[in-house]
Amino acid sequence: MNALRRHAADPDVITQTTGLVNFQQEMVRSSHQRQRDDRSRERLWLADLPQQVRPVRA
């Protein structure tokens, strides 16, 4: 394997690492936030729809 070795102080390495860490932080933060709050809405179950609006199964 002929891989290029870069030093930890290399500005490109620092930039790429910082970007990766920021991306991972955002992924963790967004996974803990509800996408929408629908707790106060009444739920409509598809099984309760009238027969005329149910899709026809092939």
PDB file of N, CA and C in Angstrom:
ATOM      1  N   MET A   1       0.841  -1.170   0.000  1.00  0.00           N
ATOM      2  CA  MET A   1       0.000   0.000   0.000  1.00  0.00           C
ATOM      3  C   MET A   1       0.890   1.238   0.000  1.00  0.00           C
ATOM      4  N   ASN A   2       0.631   2.124  -0.909  1.00  0.00           N
ATOM      5  CA  ASN A   2       1.451   3.315  -1.049  1.00  0.00           C
ATOM      6  C   ASN A   2       0.614   4.540  -0.669  1.00  0.00           C
ATOM      7  N   ALA A   3       0.227   4.638   0.599  1.00  0.00           N
ATOM      8  CA  ALA A   3      -0.631   5.728   1.072  1.00  0.00           C
ATOM      9  C   ALA A   3       0.213   6.920   1.485  1.00  0.00           C
ATOM     10  N   LEU A   4      -0.282   8.092   1.194  1.00  0.00           N
ATOM     11  CA  LEU A   4       0.381   9.324   1.591  1.00  0.00           C
ATOM     12  C   LEU A   4       0.126   9.559   3.073  1.00  0.00           C
ATOM     13  N   ARG A   5       1.190   9.757   3.834  1.00  0.00           N
ATOM     14  CA  ARG A   5       1.049  10.011   5.268  1.00  0.00           C
ATOM     15  C   ARG A   5       1.070  11.510   5.498  1.00  0.00           C
ATOM     16  N   ARG A   6       0.087  11.972   6.267  1.00  0.00           N
ATOM     17  CA  ARG A   6       0.026  13.396   6.573  1.00  0.00           C
ATOM     18  C   ARG A   6       0.130  13.599   8.079  1.00  0.00           C
ATOM     19  N   HIS A   7       0.706  14.690   8.464  1.00  0.00           N
ATOM     20  CA  HIS A   7       0.913  15.011   9.871  1.00  0.00           C
ATOM     21  C   HIS A   7      -0.364  15.602  10.460  1.00  0.00           C
ATOM     22  N   ALA A   8      -0.575  15.392  11.755  1.00  0.00           N
ATOM     23  CA  ALA A   8      -1.775  15.888  12.430  1.00  0.00           C
ATOM     24  C   ALA A   8      -1.870  17.411  12.384  1.00  0.00           C
ATOM     25  N   ALA A   9      -0.761  18.101  12.231  1.00  0.00           N
ATOM     26  CA  ALA A   9      -0.774  19.562  12.183  1.00  0.00           C
ATOM     27  C   ALA A   9      -1.020  20.094  10.770  1.00  0.00           C
ATOM     28  N   ASP A  10      -1.168  19.219   9.799  1.00  0.00           N
ATOM     29  CA  ASP A  10      -1.439  19.622   8.413  1.00  0.00           C
ATOM     30  C   ASP A  10      -2.783  20.348   8.364  1.00  0.00           C
ATOM     31  N   PRO A  11      -2.832  21.564   7.824  1.00  0.00           N
ATOM     32  CA  PRO A  11      -4.085  22.332   7.785  1.00  0.00           C
ATOM     33  C   PRO A  11      -5.234  21.588   7.094  1.00  0.00           C
ATOM     34  N   ASP A  12      -4.943  20.797   6.072  1.00  0.00           N
ATOM     35  CA  ASP A  12      -5.987  20.009   5.414  1.00  0.00           C
ATOM     36  C   ASP A  12      -6.563  18.954   6.356  1.00  0.00           C
ATOM     37  N   VAL A  13      -5.705  18.322   7.120  1.00  0.00           N
ATOM     38  CA  VAL A  13      -6.144  17.307   8.077  1.00  0.00           C
ATOM     39  C   VAL A  13      -7.021  17.961   9.144  1.00  0.00           C
ATOM     40  N   ILE A  14      -6.608  19.105   9.634  1.00  0.00           N
ATOM     41  CA  ILE A  14      -7.379  19.812  10.658  1.00  0.00           C
ATOM     42  C   ILE A  14      -8.740  20.225  10.103  1.00  0.00           C
ATOM     43  N   THR A  15      -8.765  20.761   8.895  1.00  0.00           N
ATOM     44  CA  THR A  15     -10.025  21.193   8.277  1.00  0.00           C
ATOM     45  C   THR A  15     -10.966  20.014   8.070  1.00  0.00           C
ATOM     46  N   GLN A  16     -10.460  18.917   7.541  1.00  0.00           N
ATOM     47  CA  GLN A  16     -11.299  17.746   7.296  1.00  0.00           C
ATOM     48  C   GLN A  16     -11.806  17.132   8.600  1.00  0.00           C
ATOM     49  N   THR A  17     -10.951  17.069   9.601  1.00  0.00           N
ATOM     50  CA  THR A  17     -11.343  16.510  10.895  1.00  0.00           C
ATOM     51  C   THR A  17     -12.397  17.387  11.568  1.00  0.00           C
ATOM     52  N   THR A  18     -12.205  18.696  11.515  1.00  0.00           N
ATOM     53  CA  THR A  18     -13.174  19.622  12.097  1.00  0.00           C
ATOM     54  C   THR A  18     -14.523  19.480  11.404  1.00  0.00           C
ATOM     55  N   GLY A  19     -14.512  19.389  10.091  1.00  0.00           N
ATOM     56  CA  GLY A  19     -15.756  19.213   9.344  1.00  0.00           C
ATOM     57  C   GLY A  19     -16.462  17.919   9.709  1.00  0.00           C
ATOM     58  N   LEU A  20     -15.708  16.843   9.847  1.00  0.00           N
ATOM     59  CA  LEU A  20     -16.286  15.555  10.209  1.00  0.00           C
ATOM     60  C   LEU A  20     -16.893  15.591  11.608  1.00  0.00           C
ATOM     61  N   VAL A  21     -16.183  16.177  12.556  1.00  0.00           N
ATOM     62  CA  VAL A  21     -16.683  16.263  13.928  1.00  0.00           C
ATOM     63  C   VAL A  21     -17.938  17.128  13.972  1.00  0.00           C
ATOM     64  N   ASN A  22     -17.952  18.245  13.257  1.00  0.00           N
ATOM     65  CA  ASN A  22     -19.148  19.093  13.228  1.00  0.00           C
ATOM     66  C   ASN A  22     -20.333  18.352  12.623  1.00  0.00           C
ATOM     67  N   PHE A  23     -20.092  17.604  11.568  1.00  0.00           N
ATOM     68  CA  PHE A  23     -21.146  16.812  10.942  1.00  0.00           C
ATOM     69  C   PHE A  23     -21.703  15.779  11.925  1.00  0.00           C
ATOM     70  N   GLN A  24     -20.823  15.099  12.621  1.00  0.00           N
ATOM     71  CA  GLN A  24     -21.263  14.085  13.582  1.00  0.00           C
ATOM     72  C   GLN A  24     -22.043  14.715  14.734  1.00  0.00           C
ATOM     73  N   GLN A  25     -21.615  15.886  15.208  1.00  0.00           N
ATOM     74  CA  GLN A  25     -22.348  16.577  16.270  1.00  0.00           C
ATOM     75  C   GLN A  25     -23.755  16.926  15.806  1.00  0.00           C
ATOM     76  N   GLU A  26     -23.885  17.422  14.593  1.00  0.00           N
ATOM     77  CA  GLU A  26     -25.192  17.783  14.059  1.00  0.00           C
ATOM     78  C   GLU A  26     -26.087  16.556  13.911  1.00  0.00           C
ATOM     79  N   MET A  27     -25.510  15.436  13.506  1.00  0.00           N
ATOM     80  CA  MET A  27     -26.283  14.199  13.382  1.00  0.00           C
ATOM     81  C   MET A  27     -26.816  13.755  14.740  1.00  0.00           C
ATOM     82  N   VAL A  28     -25.993  13.844  15.767  1.00  0.00           N
ATOM     83  CA  VAL A  28     -26.426  13.450  17.109  1.00  0.00           C
ATOM     84  C   VAL A  28     -27.502  14.406  17.613  1.00  0.00           C
ATOM     85  N   ARG A  29     -27.298  15.697  17.427  1.00  0.00           N
ATOM     86  CA  ARG A  29     -28.303  16.681  17.882  1.00  0.00           C
ATOM     87  C   ARG A  29     -29.642  16.465  17.178  1.00  0.00           C
ATOM     88  N   SER A  30     -29.609  16.272  15.884  1.00  0.00           N
ATOM     89  CA  SER A  30     -30.857  16.145  15.136  1.00  0.00           C
ATOM     90  C   SER A  30     -31.572  14.839  15.459  1.00  0.00           C
ATOM     91  N   SER A  31     -30.848  13.824  15.895  1.00  0.00           N
ATOM     92  CA  SER A  31     -31.500  12.557  16.220  1.00  0.00           C
ATOM     93  C   SER A  31     -32.272  12.638  17.529  1.00  0.00           C
ATOM     94  N   HIS A  32     -32.018  13.663  18.331  1.00  0.00           N
ATOM     95  CA  HIS A  32     -32.701  13.823  19.614  1.00  0.00           C
ATOM     96  C   HIS A  32     -33.864  14.813  19.531  1.00  0.00           C
ATOM     97  N   GLN A  33     -34.058  15.438  18.396  1.00  0.00           N
ATOM     98  CA  GLN A  33     -35.136  16.420  18.250  1.00  0.00           C
ATOM     99  C   GLN A  33     -36.301  15.788  17.505  1.00  0.00           C
ATOM    100  N   ARG A  34     -37.526  16.057  17.995  1.00  0.00           N
ATOM    101  CA  ARG A  34     -38.695  15.576  17.276  1.00  0.00           C
ATOM    102  C   ARG A  34     -38.808  16.354  15.971  1.00  0.00           C
ATOM    103  N   GLN A  35     -39.127  15.673  14.903  1.00  0.00           N
ATOM    104  CA  GLN A  35     -39.267  16.339  13.614  1.00  0.00           C
ATOM    105  C   GLN A  35     -40.525  17.193  13.585  1.00  0.00           C
ATOM    106  N   ARG A  36     -41.572  16.710  14.227  1.00  0.00           N
ATOM    107  CA  ARG A  36     -42.777  17.520  14.358  1.00  0.00           C
ATOM    108  C   ARG A  36     -43.507  17.055  15.596  1.00  0.00           C
ATOM    109  N   ASP A  37     -44.237  17.955  16.178  1.00  0.00           N
ATOM    110  CA  ASP A  37     -44.979  17.644  17.386  1.00  0.00           C
ATOM    111  C   ASP A  37     -46.441  17.448  17.006  1.00  0.00           C
ATOM    112  N   ASP A  38     -46.867  16.198  16.960  1.00  0.00           N
ATOM    113  CA  ASP A  38     -48.249  15.916  16.603  1.00  0.00           C
ATOM    114  C   ASP A  38     -49.006  15.282  17.769  1.00  0.00           C
ATOM    115  N   ARG A  39     -48.500  15.484  18.964  1.00  0.00           N
ATOM    116  CA  ARG A  39     -49.126  14.862  20.134  1.00  0.00           C
ATOM    117  C   ARG A  39     -50.524  15.399  20.403  1.00  0.00           C
ATOM    118  N   SER A  40     -50.822  16.635  20.004  1.00  0.00           N
ATOM    119  CA  SER A  40     -52.135  17.210  20.281  1.00  0.00           C
ATOM    120  C   SER A  40     -53.153  16.902  19.187  1.00  0.00           C
ATOM    121  N   ARG A  41     -52.736  16.301  18.087  1.00  0.00           N
ATOM    122  CA  ARG A  41     -53.646  16.017  16.979  1.00  0.00           C
ATOM    123  C   ARG A  41     -54.342  14.674  17.166  1.00  0.00           C
ATOM    124  N   GLU A  42     -55.561  14.615  16.684  1.00  0.00           N
ATOM    125  CA  GLU A  42     -56.286  13.358  16.696  1.00  0.00           C
ATOM    126  C   GLU A  42     -55.701  12.451  15.619  1.00  0.00           C
ATOM    127  N   ARG A  43     -55.568  11.193  15.943  1.00  0.00           N
ATOM    128  CA  ARG A  43     -55.010  10.257  14.971  1.00  0.00           C
ATOM    129  C   ARG A  43     -56.117   9.656  14.119  1.00  0.00           C
ATOM    130  N   LEU A  44     -55.836   9.497  12.851  1.00  0.00           N
ATOM    131  CA  LEU A  44     -56.750   8.880  11.915  1.00  0.00           C
ATOM    132  C   LEU A  44     -56.102   7.597  11.422  1.00  0.00           C
ATOM    133  N   TRP A  45     -56.708   6.488  11.729  1.00  0.00           N
ATOM    134  CA  TRP A  45     -56.170   5.200  11.335  1.00  0.00           C
ATOM    135  C   TRP A  45     -56.696   4.834   9.957  1.00  0.00           C
ATOM    136  N   LEU A  46     -55.828   4.351   9.105  1.00  0.00           N
ATOM    137  CA  LEU A  46     -56.226   3.986   7.749  1.00  0.00           C
ATOM    138  C   LEU A  46     -57.289   2.895   7.749  1.00  0.00           C
ATOM    139  N   ALA A  47     -57.253   2.009   8.714  1.00  0.00           N
ATOM    140  CA  ALA A  47     -58.243   0.934   8.796  1.00  0.00           C
ATOM    141  C   ALA A  47     -59.641   1.478   9.074  1.00  0.00           C
ATOM    142  N   ASP A  48     -59.732   2.713   9.610  1.00  0.00           N
ATOM    143  CA  ASP A  48     -61.033   3.310   9.926  1.00  0.00           C
ATOM    144  C   ASP A  48     -61.610   4.138   8.787  1.00  0.00           C
ATOM    145  N   LEU A  49     -60.903   4.230   7.664  1.00  0.00           N
ATOM    146  CA  LEU A  49     -61.409   5.011   6.538  1.00  0.00           C
ATOM    147  C   LEU A  49     -62.635   4.335   5.936  1.00  0.00           C
ATOM    148  N   PRO A  50     -63.562   5.127   5.400  1.00  0.00           N
ATOM    149  CA  PRO A  50     -64.719   4.524   4.718  1.00  0.00           C
ATOM    150  C   PRO A  50     -64.268   3.690   3.527  1.00  0.00           C
ATOM    151  N   GLN A  51     -65.068   2.719   3.161  1.00  0.00           N
ATOM    152  CA  GLN A  51     -64.723   1.794   2.082  1.00  0.00           C
ATOM    153  C   GLN A  51     -64.439   2.527   0.778  1.00  0.00           C
ATOM    154  N   GLN A  52     -65.158   3.603   0.464  1.00  0.00           N
ATOM    155  CA  GLN A  52     -64.989   4.295  -0.823  1.00  0.00           C
ATOM    156  C   GLN A  52     -63.658   5.029  -0.940  1.00  0.00           C
ATOM    157  N   VAL A  53     -62.958   5.280   0.133  1.00  0.00           N
ATOM    158  CA  VAL A  53     -61.650   5.945   0.025  1.00  0.00           C
ATOM    159  C   VAL A  53     -60.492   4.987   0.232  1.00  0.00           C
ATOM    160  N   ARG A  54     -60.771   3.742   0.477  1.00  0.00           N
ATOM    161  CA  ARG A  54     -59.694   2.758   0.636  1.00  0.00           C
ATOM    162  C   ARG A  54     -59.123   2.394  -0.726  1.00  0.00           C
ATOM    163  N   PRO A  55     -57.831   2.200  -0.815  1.00  0.00           N
ATOM    164  CA  PRO A  55     -57.242   1.804  -2.099  1.00  0.00           C
ATOM    165  C   PRO A  55     -57.641   0.374  -2.463  1.00  0.00           C
ATOM    166  N   VAL A  56     -57.736   0.141  -3.725  1.00  0.00           N
ATOM    167  CA  VAL A  56     -58.053  -1.187  -4.227  1.00  0.00           C
ATOM    168  C   VAL A  56     -56.741  -1.971  -4.312  1.00  0.00           C
ATOM    169  N   ARG A  57     -56.728  -3.142  -3.747  1.00  0.00           N
ATOM    170  CA  ARG A  57     -55.508  -3.965  -3.792  1.00  0.00           C
ATOM    171  C   ARG A  57     -55.524  -4.824  -5.032  1.00  0.00           C
ATOM    172  N   ALA A  58     -54.389  -4.882  -5.688  1.00  0.00           N
ATOM    173  CA  ALA A  58     -54.284  -5.665  -6.921  1.00  0.00           C
ATOM    174  C   ALA A  58     -54.036  -7.120  -6.634  1.00  0.00           C
TER     175      ALA A  58
END
